[in-house]
Amino acid sequence: MNASKTLLASALGAVVSLAALTAVPAQAAEQEKCYGVAMAGMNDCASATGAHGCKGQAKMDKDPGDWKLVAKGSCEKMGGMTMAPMKQ
């Protein structure tokens, strides 16, 4: 009886893990990078202009080189750009 409970728990864990893995690509497909909307310290990754290389390092609000992930189709409504600015 104990072995059947272990097998059931393992199977349930695998199902939950698989569901979590398949949900991530669907969520990512519903988002886009939006440049120029991140507040200082709230950017999602490296600056497109090379000003810094990590999440959370934006120095000023709405820097055109810093980006956030936003719902697809909402970037330009927020005053941002979906294309990275040119490096200088």
Protein backbone atom coordinates (compact mmCIF):
# COMPACT_ATOMS: atom_id res chain seq x y z
CA MET A 1 0.00 0.00 0.00
CA ASN A 2 2.83 2.38 0.81
CA ALA A 3 4.44 1.81 -2.60
CA SER A 4 1.20 2.70 -4.39
CA LYS A 5 0.99 6.00 -2.49
CA THR A 6 4.57 6.81 -3.48
CA LEU A 7 3.84 5.98 -7.11
CA LEU A 8 0.69 8.12 -7.07
CA ALA A 9 2.58 11.05 -5.49
CA SER A 10 5.33 10.77 -8.10
CA ALA A 11 2.82 10.69 -10.96
CA LEU A 12 0.96 13.70 -9.57
CA GLY A 13 4.25 15.61 -9.19
CA ALA A 14 5.14 14.87 -12.81
CA VAL A 15 1.76 16.11 -14.04
CA VAL A 16 2.07 19.35 -12.05
CA SER A 17 5.63 19.92 -13.29
CA LEU A 18 4.63 19.32 -16.89
CA ALA A 19 1.72 21.75 -16.59
CA ALA A 20 4.03 24.43 -15.19
CA LEU A 21 6.55 23.95 -18.00
CA THR A 22 3.96 24.19 -20.76
CA ALA A 23 2.39 27.34 -19.27
CA VAL A 24 5.60 29.39 -19.49
CA PRO A 25 5.84 29.61 -23.32
CA ALA A 26 2.19 30.62 -23.59
CA GLN A 27 2.72 33.43 -21.09
CA ALA A 28 5.88 34.62 -22.84
CA ALA A 29 4.06 34.69 -26.18
CA GLU A 30 1.55 37.12 -24.68
CA GLN A 31 4.27 39.62 -23.70
CA GLU A 32 6.73 41.85 -25.50
CA LYS A 33 9.79 43.93 -24.61
CA CYS A 34 8.85 47.59 -24.17
CA TYR A 35 11.71 50.11 -24.22
CA GLY A 36 11.44 53.44 -22.44
CA VAL A 37 8.81 52.57 -19.82
CA ALA A 38 10.88 51.04 -17.00
CA MET A 39 11.24 53.07 -13.83
CA ALA A 40 14.66 53.40 -12.17
CA GLY A 41 15.71 50.06 -10.72
CA MET A 42 12.71 48.26 -12.23
CA ASN A 43 14.03 47.17 -15.66
CA ASP A 44 13.79 43.50 -16.65
CA CYS A 45 17.25 42.93 -18.12
CA ALA A 46 20.38 44.49 -19.61
CA SER A 47 20.22 47.90 -21.27
CA ALA A 48 20.06 47.86 -25.07
CA THR A 49 22.55 50.74 -25.13
CA GLY A 50 25.13 48.93 -22.99
CA ALA A 51 24.71 51.21 -19.96
CA HIS A 52 24.45 48.15 -17.66
CA GLY A 53 24.12 44.39 -17.90
CA CYS A 54 21.49 43.27 -15.41
CA LYS A 55 17.90 43.43 -14.19
CA GLY A 56 17.14 46.23 -11.75
CA GLN A 57 20.07 48.47 -12.69
CA ALA A 58 18.23 51.24 -14.58
CA LYS A 59 19.53 54.57 -13.27
CA MET A 60 16.64 56.79 -14.36
CA ASP A 61 12.93 56.54 -15.11
CA LYS A 62 11.92 55.78 -18.69
CA ASP A 63 15.43 55.47 -20.13
CA PRO A 64 14.96 54.54 -23.82
CA GLY A 65 17.58 51.76 -23.50
CA ASP A 66 15.89 49.99 -20.60
CA TRP A 67 12.92 47.67 -21.06
CA LYS A 68 10.14 45.85 -19.22
CA LEU A 69 8.02 42.92 -20.35
CA VAL A 70 4.46 44.15 -20.91
CA ALA A 71 1.28 42.65 -22.33
CA LYS A 72 1.53 42.28 -26.10
CA GLY A 73 0.03 45.30 -27.85
CA SER A 74 0.22 47.63 -24.84
CA CYS A 75 3.75 49.03 -25.20
CA GLU A 76 3.06 51.91 -27.58
CA LYS A 77 -0.11 52.81 -25.64
CA MET A 78 2.16 53.27 -22.60
CA GLY A 79 4.46 55.59 -24.56
CA GLY A 80 7.16 52.99 -25.13
CA MET A 81 8.84 51.45 -28.16
CA THR A 82 8.99 47.79 -29.20
CA MET A 83 12.32 48.28 -30.99
CA ALA A 84 15.59 48.87 -29.15
CA PRO A 85 17.30 52.23 -29.72
CA MET A 86 20.53 52.28 -31.69
CA LYS A 87 23.73 51.93 -29.64
CA GLN A 88 25.81 55.09 -29.63
